[in-house]
Amino acid sequence: MAQVGGPGAKKGILERLDSGEVVVGDGSFLITLEKRGYVKAGLWTPEAVVDHPDAVRQLHIEFLRAGSNVMQTFTFAASEDNMESKWKAVNAAACDLAREVAGKGDALVAGGICQTSVYKHHKDEATVKKLFQLQLEVFTKKNVDFLIAEYFEHAEEAIWAVEVLKESGKPLAATMCIGPDGDMCGVTPGECAVKLVKAGAAIVGVNCRFGPSTSLKTMRLMKEGLQAAGLKAHLMVQSLGFHTPDCGKGGFVDLPEYPFGLEPRVATRWDIQKYAREAYNLGIRYIGGCCGFEAYHIRAIAEELAPERGFLPPASDKHGSWGSSLNMHTKPWIRARFKGREERMARGANCLYLAGSLTGRPQFWAGQIFTSAAMVPYWLPLGTFGLYFSCHRHRILLCLLLPFQILAFSAGHSRYPLFGGSCCPSW
């Protein structure tokens, strides 16, 4: 299959989805640019589009090369309540950057808004809607191709956003940052989807806060809710690039690792291929990512769904699907690591690359037990005694017990022990 940028002349978002075409979204901006030194954690505001436009442009380009059909404006939290006098310049610059890069391929520009900081305090509908209206005015002037209201943890505020954005007449997507338990007020995923469609959204789904597996569970509930209500809408999912099976209702922001210690939870490219296939099989046709979702994750979506899309992205020119490029390695044991798609899917993506005990599978539980922090009081004295005894009597005992000493030390001094820990990124 040839590596090409896209199938030809640009079509609108609804035209693509109505025809059954797969739309690949983009990925992480805030988390990625924070790691690269262009965004400040805590505030999570996008001044970088003005202060460091080259950094934002480069990230857009990476996602485009990886297969994204949508360049979403980097305008998360760019409302007046968060950025005061800077908000207008930031929104305008973000639109220009997205349009510039989208013009290099078969990509559309989506103007994005998110939940406000004022809703939780007084829930004044007029105030909240005014903030959305201000951003919409910039998006309308810049003539974005469609609009996304994303990252809402309250259905009510998301509905207000949809009611404002639909006034533009542009196609509208709305996504909640919720898990299977629903929004913060107990509105179920199915009910959220129904409310958003009735408010005017043509595309509904979830983004951020939860990993691939959890996000797809929520999407299934949304789909069932729409079907039960007799409503039709296109489905959209943009999950985290992190595994979050142990998250509560608030998602990954409530984890002790958030935001600086999430790396052990990063999904592999194989995990994301599985995510893309399962999303497609669920009937979702707009598939992308959010925080932690790097360009190689987007490429994984594009490669998994290349048969349906009819082409591969430019970034696949340097990548052998399912590790096939390992066949060229000089070391035979590395060449042997190449496994076909069927075997990777059958065995599970993570188990081939992560330490066994991180997969949460029963055959590795013994490793977790012997290396967990709870076992430190037992192994540490035993290992110490073994070290003392072996130095004076039997050297062989040192060989037997020293590994347990090392593992116990690892378990007691690391958030994620050498072969165990509380993070279990499994499906």
Protein backbone atom coordinates (compact mmCIF):
# COMPACT_ATOMS: atom_id res chain seq x y z
CA MET A 1 0.00 0.00 0.00
CA ALA A 2 1.40 3.35 -1.03
CA GLN A 3 2.28 6.08 1.44
CA VAL A 4 0.25 9.10 0.48
CA GLY A 5 -1.06 12.14 2.27
CA GLY A 6 -4.74 11.66 1.50
CA PRO A 7 -7.34 10.64 -1.03
CA GLY A 8 -7.64 13.90 -2.93
CA ALA A 9 -9.75 17.04 -2.71
CA LYS A 10 -10.92 18.03 0.73
CA LYS A 11 -14.43 17.22 1.85
CA GLY A 12 -16.24 18.58 4.87
CA ILE A 13 -16.33 16.66 8.14
CA LEU A 14 -19.95 15.56 7.81
CA GLU A 15 -19.50 14.68 4.16
CA ARG A 16 -16.65 12.39 5.14
CA LEU A 17 -18.48 10.78 8.03
CA ASP A 18 -21.76 10.41 6.13
CA SER A 19 -19.92 8.44 3.45
CA GLY A 20 -18.43 6.10 6.06
CA GLU A 21 -14.93 7.51 5.78
CA VAL A 22 -12.61 7.14 8.77
CA VAL A 23 -11.51 10.48 10.19
CA VAL A 24 -8.30 10.38 12.22
CA GLY A 25 -8.03 13.11 14.81
CA ASP A 26 -4.86 14.59 16.22
CA GLY A 27 -3.25 13.97 19.60
CA SER A 28 -1.66 15.51 22.67
CA PHE A 29 -0.74 19.20 22.82
CA LEU A 30 -0.74 20.32 26.44
CA ILE A 31 1.08 17.34 27.95
CA THR A 32 3.47 17.03 25.02
CA LEU A 33 4.37 20.71 24.88
CA GLU A 34 4.80 20.79 28.66
CA LYS A 35 7.37 18.02 28.34
CA ARG A 36 9.09 19.95 25.57
CA GLY A 37 9.23 23.10 27.69
CA TYR A 38 6.57 25.27 26.05
CA VAL A 39 3.55 24.94 28.37
CA LYS A 40 3.37 25.49 32.12
CA ALA A 41 1.73 22.72 34.11
CA GLY A 42 -1.06 23.82 36.42
CA LEU A 43 -2.25 26.69 34.28
CA TRP A 44 -2.38 24.54 31.12
CA THR A 45 -3.02 27.55 28.91
CA PRO A 46 -1.84 27.75 25.27
CA GLU A 47 0.28 30.94 25.15
CA ALA A 48 2.75 28.92 23.12
CA VAL A 49 0.84 29.67 19.91
CA VAL A 50 2.01 33.28 20.32
CA ASP A 51 5.24 32.86 22.29
CA HIS A 52 6.56 29.74 20.52
CA PRO A 53 4.60 29.26 17.28
CA ASP A 54 7.30 27.06 15.75
CA ALA A 55 6.83 24.50 18.53
CA VAL A 56 3.08 24.35 17.96
CA ARG A 57 3.50 24.26 14.18
CA GLN A 58 5.95 21.37 14.47
CA LEU A 59 3.50 19.34 16.54
CA HIS A 60 0.73 19.96 14.01
CA ILE A 61 3.08 18.80 11.25
CA GLU A 62 3.96 15.63 13.16
CA PHE A 63 0.30 14.73 13.52
CA LEU A 64 -0.40 15.51 9.87
CA ARG A 65 2.46 13.26 8.71
CA ALA A 66 1.23 10.55 11.06
CA GLY A 67 -2.18 10.51 9.39
CA SER A 68 -4.41 13.10 11.08
CA ASN A 69 -7.32 14.44 9.05
CA VAL A 70 -8.02 17.21 11.55
CA MET A 71 -5.84 20.02 12.80
CA GLN A 72 -7.58 21.13 15.97
CA THR A 73 -6.75 24.66 17.08
CA PHE A 74 -4.56 24.73 20.18
CA THR A 75 -7.15 26.73 22.13
CA PHE A 76 -7.75 24.54 25.16
CA ALA A 77 -8.55 26.81 28.13
CA ALA A 78 -8.05 29.84 25.87
CA SER A 79 -11.19 31.61 27.05
CA GLU A 80 -11.21 35.07 28.60
CA ASP A 81 -11.66 33.72 32.15
CA ASN A 82 -8.38 31.84 31.90
CA MET A 83 -6.26 34.20 29.79
CA GLU A 84 -7.70 37.67 30.37
CA SER A 85 -6.38 40.07 27.70
CA LYS A 86 -4.36 37.40 25.87
CA TRP A 87 -7.31 35.23 24.86
CA LYS A 88 -8.12 36.90 21.52
CA ALA A 89 -4.58 36.90 20.15
CA VAL A 90 -4.09 33.29 21.23
CA ASN A 91 -7.28 32.08 19.55
CA ALA A 92 -6.47 33.93 16.33
CA ALA A 93 -2.88 32.68 16.20
CA ALA A 94 -3.99 29.12 16.91
CA CYS A 95 -6.40 29.23 13.97
CA ASP A 96 -3.69 30.53 11.65
CA LEU A 97 -1.22 27.81 12.65
CA ALA A 98 -3.79 25.05 12.23
CA ARG A 99 -4.86 26.37 8.83
CA GLU A 100 -1.27 26.69 7.64
CA VAL A 101 -0.48 23.06 8.40
CA ALA A 102 -3.85 21.71 7.27
CA GLY A 103 -3.14 23.24 3.88
CA LYS A 104 -0.17 20.92 3.48
CA GLY A 105 -2.41 17.84 3.39
CA ASP A 106 -5.94 16.49 3.40
CA ALA A 107 -6.82 17.97 6.77
CA LEU A 108 -9.63 20.14 8.11
CA VAL A 109 -9.38 22.83 10.77
CA ALA A 110 -11.49 22.43 13.90
CA GLY A 111 -11.97 25.31 16.31
CA GLY A 112 -12.04 23.96 19.84
CA ILE A 113 -13.49 25.19 23.12
CA CYS A 114 -13.62 23.47 26.51
CA GLN A 115 -15.26 23.80 29.91
CA THR A 116 -14.78 27.11 31.70
CA SER A 117 -13.26 27.81 35.08
CA VAL A 118 -16.32 29.80 36.20
CA TYR A 119 -19.02 27.15 35.76
CA LYS A 120 -18.23 25.30 38.99
CA HIS A 121 -18.37 28.49 41.05
CA HIS A 122 -21.72 30.00 40.18
CA LYS A 123 -23.12 28.18 37.12
CA ASP A 124 -24.39 31.39 35.60
CA GLU A 125 -25.59 30.45 32.13
CA ALA A 126 -25.24 33.92 30.63
CA THR A 127 -21.66 34.34 31.86
CA VAL A 128 -20.56 30.94 30.63
CA LYS A 129 -22.23 31.34 27.25
CA LYS A 130 -20.61 34.76 26.80
CA LEU A 131 -17.17 33.17 27.14
CA PHE A 132 -18.03 30.60 24.47
CA GLN A 133 -19.44 33.33 22.22
CA LEU A 134 -16.21 35.33 22.34
CA GLN A 135 -14.15 32.37 21.12
CA LEU A 136 -16.76 31.54 18.49
CA GLU A 137 -16.43 35.04 17.04
CA VAL A 138 -12.73 34.43 16.40
CA PHE A 139 -13.37 30.98 14.89
CA THR A 140 -16.03 32.42 12.62
CA LYS A 141 -13.76 35.24 11.45
CA LYS A 142 -10.99 32.71 10.75
CA ASN A 143 -13.50 30.46 8.97
CA VAL A 144 -12.62 27.16 10.62
CA ASP A 145 -14.13 24.11 8.93
CA PHE A 146 -16.04 22.82 11.94
CA LEU A 147 -16.25 23.20 15.71
CA ILE A 148 -15.51 20.95 18.69
CA ALA A 149 -16.83 21.48 22.21
CA GLU A 150 -14.59 19.17 24.23
CA TYR A 151 -13.52 18.24 27.73
CA PHE A 152 -16.74 18.79 29.64
CA GLU A 153 -17.31 16.98 32.92
CA HIS A 154 -20.82 18.43 33.35
CA ALA A 155 -23.49 17.74 30.76
CA GLU A 156 -25.23 21.03 31.48
CA GLU A 157 -22.20 23.13 30.56
CA ALA A 158 -21.58 21.03 27.45
CA ILE A 159 -25.17 21.66 26.35
CA TRP A 160 -24.67 25.40 26.82
CA ALA A 161 -21.56 25.19 24.63
CA VAL A 162 -23.45 23.34 21.90
CA GLU A 163 -26.28 25.87 22.00
CA VAL A 164 -23.80 28.70 21.43
CA LEU A 165 -21.65 27.04 18.77
CA LYS A 166 -24.55 25.81 16.65
CA GLU A 167 -25.47 29.44 15.96
CA SER A 168 -22.51 29.55 13.58
CA GLY A 169 -24.14 27.07 11.24
CA LYS A 170 -20.92 25.04 11.09
CA PRO A 171 -20.80 21.28 11.78
CA LEU A 172 -20.45 20.65 15.48
CA ALA A 173 -18.88 17.88 17.56
CA ALA A 174 -19.25 17.61 21.34
CA THR A 175 -17.24 15.36 23.63
CA MET A 176 -17.36 14.78 27.37
CA CYS A 177 -14.37 13.93 29.58
CA ILE A 178 -16.28 11.21 31.41
CA GLY A 179 -15.96 7.51 32.11
CA PRO A 180 -18.58 4.76 32.34
CA ASP A 181 -19.97 6.30 35.57
CA GLY A 182 -21.10 9.40 33.74
CA ASP A 183 -20.65 13.10 34.48
CA MET A 184 -19.98 14.71 37.85
CA CYS A 185 -23.69 15.08 38.53
CA GLY A 186 -24.53 11.47 37.82
CA VAL A 187 -25.81 11.89 34.26
CA THR A 188 -25.07 8.59 32.52
CA PRO A 189 -23.02 8.43 29.30
CA GLY A 190 -26.12 7.44 27.37
CA GLU A 191 -28.07 10.38 28.75
CA CYS A 192 -25.17 12.74 28.00
CA ALA A 193 -25.10 11.62 24.37
CA VAL A 194 -28.86 12.06 24.01
CA LYS A 195 -28.79 15.54 25.54
CA LEU A 196 -25.93 16.67 23.29
CA VAL A 197 -27.61 15.42 20.11
CA LYS A 198 -30.90 17.04 21.06
CA ALA A 199 -29.02 20.29 21.71
CA GLY A 200 -27.62 20.25 18.17
CA ALA A 201 -24.39 18.23 18.04
CA ALA A 202 -23.94 16.10 14.92
CA ILE A 203 -20.95 14.23 16.38
CA VAL A 204 -20.75 13.07 20.01
CA GLY A 205 -18.31 11.13 22.12
CA VAL A 206 -15.60 11.35 24.77
CA ASN A 207 -12.10 12.76 25.03
CA CYS A 208 -9.30 12.84 27.60
CA ARG A 209 -9.38 11.80 31.30
CA PHE A 210 -9.48 8.03 30.58
CA GLY A 211 -7.40 5.50 28.65
CA PRO A 212 -8.29 3.58 25.49
CA SER A 213 -10.12 0.66 27.09
CA THR A 214 -12.17 2.76 29.50
CA SER A 215 -13.03 5.32 26.81
CA LEU A 216 -14.39 2.60 24.55
CA LYS A 217 -16.56 1.26 27.37
CA THR A 218 -18.02 4.74 27.76
CA MET A 219 -18.56 5.03 24.01
CA ARG A 220 -20.46 1.77 24.00
CA LEU A 221 -22.80 3.18 26.66
CA MET A 222 -23.26 6.38 24.64
CA LYS A 223 -24.13 4.39 21.55
CA GLU A 224 -26.65 2.29 23.46
CA GLY A 225 -28.24 5.44 24.88
CA LEU A 226 -28.67 6.96 21.43
CA GLN A 227 -30.13 3.76 20.05
CA ALA A 228 -32.59 3.49 22.92
CA ALA A 229 -33.71 7.08 22.28
CA GLY A 230 -34.06 6.50 18.54
CA LEU A 231 -31.43 9.14 17.75
CA LYS A 232 -28.63 9.06 15.21
CA ALA A 233 -25.28 10.81 15.39
CA HIS A 234 -21.70 10.19 14.38
CA LEU A 235 -19.47 8.84 17.13
CA MET A 236 -16.09 10.25 18.13
CA VAL A 237 -13.44 9.06 20.59
CA GLN A 238 -10.16 10.73 21.56
CA SER A 239 -8.75 8.85 24.54
CA LEU A 240 -5.65 9.41 26.61
CA GLY A 241 -2.40 7.85 25.49
CA PHE A 242 -2.14 6.37 29.00
CA HIS A 243 -3.74 3.28 30.52
CA THR A 244 -6.08 4.11 33.40
CA PRO A 245 -7.83 0.92 34.58
CA ASP A 246 -7.56 2.04 38.20
CA CYS A 247 -9.00 5.55 37.77
CA GLY A 248 -12.03 6.76 39.63
CA LYS A 249 -14.77 9.00 38.29
CA GLY A 250 -12.43 11.96 37.91
CA GLY A 251 -10.05 10.14 35.59
CA PHE A 252 -6.29 10.49 35.43
CA VAL A 253 -6.18 13.93 37.04
CA ASP A 254 -6.91 12.22 40.38
CA LEU A 255 -3.98 9.82 40.08
CA PRO A 256 -0.96 10.55 42.31
CA GLU A 257 1.26 10.33 39.22
CA TYR A 258 -0.55 13.16 37.44
CA PRO A 259 0.91 15.02 35.66
CA PHE A 260 4.65 14.35 36.00
CA GLY A 261 4.85 10.59 36.59
CA LEU A 262 2.56 9.13 33.96
CA GLU A 263 5.23 7.63 31.71
CA PRO A 264 4.89 4.05 33.06
CA ARG A 265 1.29 4.14 31.87
CA VAL A 266 2.03 5.09 28.24
CA ALA A 267 0.24 2.91 25.71
CA THR A 268 2.33 1.11 23.11
CA ARG A 269 1.70 1.51 19.41
CA TRP A 270 0.23 -2.00 19.45
CA ASP A 271 -2.23 -0.99 22.17
CA ILE A 272 -3.39 1.87 19.99
CA GLN A 273 -3.82 -0.34 16.94
CA LYS A 274 -6.08 -2.50 19.08
CA TYR A 275 -7.92 0.62 20.29
CA ALA A 276 -8.42 1.79 16.70
CA ARG A 277 -9.76 -1.57 15.56
CA GLU A 278 -12.13 -1.91 18.49
CA ALA A 279 -13.36 1.66 18.01
CA TYR A 280 -13.99 0.98 14.33
CA ASN A 281 -15.83 -2.25 15.11
CA LEU A 282 -18.00 -0.30 17.56
CA GLY A 283 -19.10 1.96 14.74
CA ILE A 284 -16.92 4.95 15.64
CA ARG A 285 -15.57 6.75 12.59
CA TYR A 286 -13.84 9.75 14.18
CA ILE A 287 -10.89 8.28 16.09
CA GLY A 288 -8.05 10.27 17.62
CA GLY A 289 -6.30 10.97 20.89
CA CYS A 290 -5.80 13.48 23.65
CA CYS A 291 -3.20 13.92 26.42
CA GLY A 292 -0.26 11.56 26.08
CA PHE A 293 -1.21 10.65 22.52
CA GLU A 294 1.95 11.15 20.48
CA ALA A 295 2.43 11.19 16.73
CA TYR A 296 3.41 7.51 16.63
CA HIS A 297 0.11 6.71 18.33
CA ILE A 298 -1.75 8.57 15.59
CA ARG A 299 0.30 6.67 13.02
CA ALA A 300 -0.80 3.44 14.70
CA ILE A 301 -4.46 4.39 14.14
CA ALA A 302 -3.78 5.28 10.50
CA GLU A 303 -1.89 2.03 9.90
CA GLU A 304 -4.48 -0.17 11.57
CA LEU A 305 -7.28 1.39 9.54
CA ALA A 306 -5.28 1.75 6.31
CA PRO A 307 -7.32 -1.00 4.60
CA GLU A 308 -10.51 0.96 5.27
CA ARG A 309 -8.97 4.33 4.38
CA GLY A 310 -7.14 3.04 1.31
CA PHE A 311 -3.77 4.61 2.05
CA LEU A 312 -0.96 4.91 4.58
CA PRO A 313 0.29 8.18 6.07
CA PRO A 314 3.67 9.66 5.07
CA ALA A 315 5.17 8.71 8.45
CA SER A 316 4.70 5.02 7.63
CA ASP A 317 7.44 5.27 5.03
CA LYS A 318 9.97 4.70 7.83
CA HIS A 319 7.93 2.20 9.82
CA GLY A 320 7.36 -1.51 9.35
CA SER A 321 3.90 -2.47 10.51
CA TRP A 322 3.77 -4.81 13.51
CA GLY A 323 7.54 -4.64 13.90
CA SER A 324 8.36 -6.12 10.49
CA SER A 325 11.42 -3.86 10.18
CA LEU A 326 13.08 -5.93 12.92
CA ASN A 327 13.70 -8.55 10.23
CA MET A 328 16.60 -6.39 9.06
CA HIS A 329 18.37 -6.37 12.44
CA THR A 330 21.82 -7.94 12.62
CA LYS A 331 21.08 -9.80 15.88
CA PRO A 332 18.98 -12.95 15.42
CA TRP A 333 17.32 -12.73 18.85
CA ILE A 334 16.04 -9.27 17.98
CA ARG A 335 14.85 -10.45 14.58
CA ALA A 336 12.91 -13.15 16.41
CA ARG A 337 10.87 -10.50 18.22
CA PHE A 338 8.92 -9.72 15.09
CA LYS A 339 5.45 -11.16 15.47
CA GLY A 340 2.61 -10.94 13.02
CA ARG A 341 -0.52 -8.91 13.62
CA GLU A 342 -2.61 -11.94 14.53
CA GLU A 343 -0.22 -13.10 17.24
CA ARG A 344 0.11 -9.65 18.75
CA MET A 345 -3.66 -9.25 18.86
CA ALA A 346 -4.14 -12.74 20.28
CA ARG A 347 -1.52 -12.42 23.01
CA GLY A 348 -2.33 -8.85 23.90
CA ALA A 349 -0.30 -5.85 22.91
CA ASN A 350 1.39 -5.00 26.18
CA CYS A 351 2.60 -8.41 27.22
CA LEU A 352 5.31 -8.41 24.56
CA TYR A 353 6.92 -5.18 25.67
CA LEU A 354 6.12 -4.47 29.32
CA ALA A 355 7.44 -6.32 32.32
CA GLY A 356 5.10 -9.22 32.89
CA SER A 357 3.83 -8.06 36.25
CA LEU A 358 2.66 -4.78 34.73
CA THR A 359 0.15 -6.58 32.54
CA GLY A 360 -2.10 -7.64 35.37
CA ARG A 361 -2.20 -11.24 34.13
CA PRO A 362 -2.48 -14.12 36.65
CA GLN A 363 0.69 -15.87 35.50
CA PHE A 364 2.69 -12.87 36.71
CA TRP A 365 0.98 -12.37 40.07
CA ALA A 366 3.71 -14.27 41.90
CA GLY A 367 6.20 -11.69 40.70
CA GLN A 368 4.01 -8.93 42.05
CA ILE A 369 3.65 -10.64 45.41
CA PHE A 370 7.36 -11.22 45.93
CA THR A 371 8.33 -7.73 44.81
CA SER A 372 5.53 -5.62 46.23
CA ALA A 373 6.20 -2.95 48.80
CA ALA A 374 4.11 -4.93 51.28
CA MET A 375 6.71 -7.70 51.25
CA VAL A 376 9.63 -5.40 52.08
CA PRO A 377 9.48 -6.07 55.86
CA TYR A 378 9.88 -9.76 55.13
CA TRP A 379 12.41 -9.83 52.31
CA LEU A 380 14.63 -7.03 53.58
CA PRO A 381 15.62 -8.75 56.87
CA LEU A 382 15.86 -12.10 55.13
CA GLY A 383 18.08 -10.68 52.45
CA THR A 384 20.23 -8.87 55.00
CA PHE A 385 20.62 -12.03 57.07
CA GLY A 386 21.48 -14.00 53.98
CA LEU A 387 24.14 -11.48 53.02
CA TYR A 388 25.72 -11.59 56.50
CA PHE A 389 25.55 -15.38 56.79
CA SER A 390 26.92 -16.06 53.33
CA CYS A 391 29.87 -13.76 53.82
CA HIS A 392 31.03 -15.89 56.74
CA ARG A 393 29.85 -19.40 55.96
CA HIS A 394 28.33 -20.34 52.62
CA ARG A 395 28.89 -18.19 49.58
CA ILE A 396 26.18 -19.97 47.66
CA LEU A 397 23.52 -18.54 49.96
CA LEU A 398 24.53 -15.06 48.80
CA CYS A 399 23.74 -16.04 45.25
CA LEU A 400 20.34 -17.34 46.29
CA LEU A 401 19.15 -14.47 48.46
CA LEU A 402 20.83 -11.42 46.97
CA PRO A 403 18.30 -11.16 44.11
CA PHE A 404 15.48 -10.96 46.66
CA GLN A 405 17.44 -8.29 48.53
CA ILE A 406 17.72 -6.23 45.35
CA LEU A 407 14.05 -6.66 44.46
CA ALA A 408 12.92 -5.80 47.96
CA PHE A 409 15.02 -2.64 47.86
CA SER A 410 13.50 -1.77 44.50
CA ALA A 411 9.98 -2.34 45.80
CA GLY A 412 10.55 -0.15 48.82
CA HIS A 413 12.20 2.76 47.03
CA SER A 414 10.26 3.18 43.82
CA ARG A 415 6.73 4.18 42.91
CA TYR A 416 6.95 1.45 40.31
CA PRO A 417 9.15 -1.45 41.47
CA LEU A 418 11.48 -3.22 39.13
CA PHE A 419 9.00 -5.99 38.32
CA GLY A 420 5.88 -4.90 40.14
CA GLY A 421 3.80 -1.95 41.16
CA SER A 422 0.37 -0.45 41.36
CA CYS A 423 0.23 0.61 37.73
CA CYS A 424 -1.27 -2.23 35.71
CA PRO A 425 -1.80 -1.01 32.14
CA SER A 426 -3.86 -3.95 30.97
CA TRP A 427 -6.86 -4.27 28.74
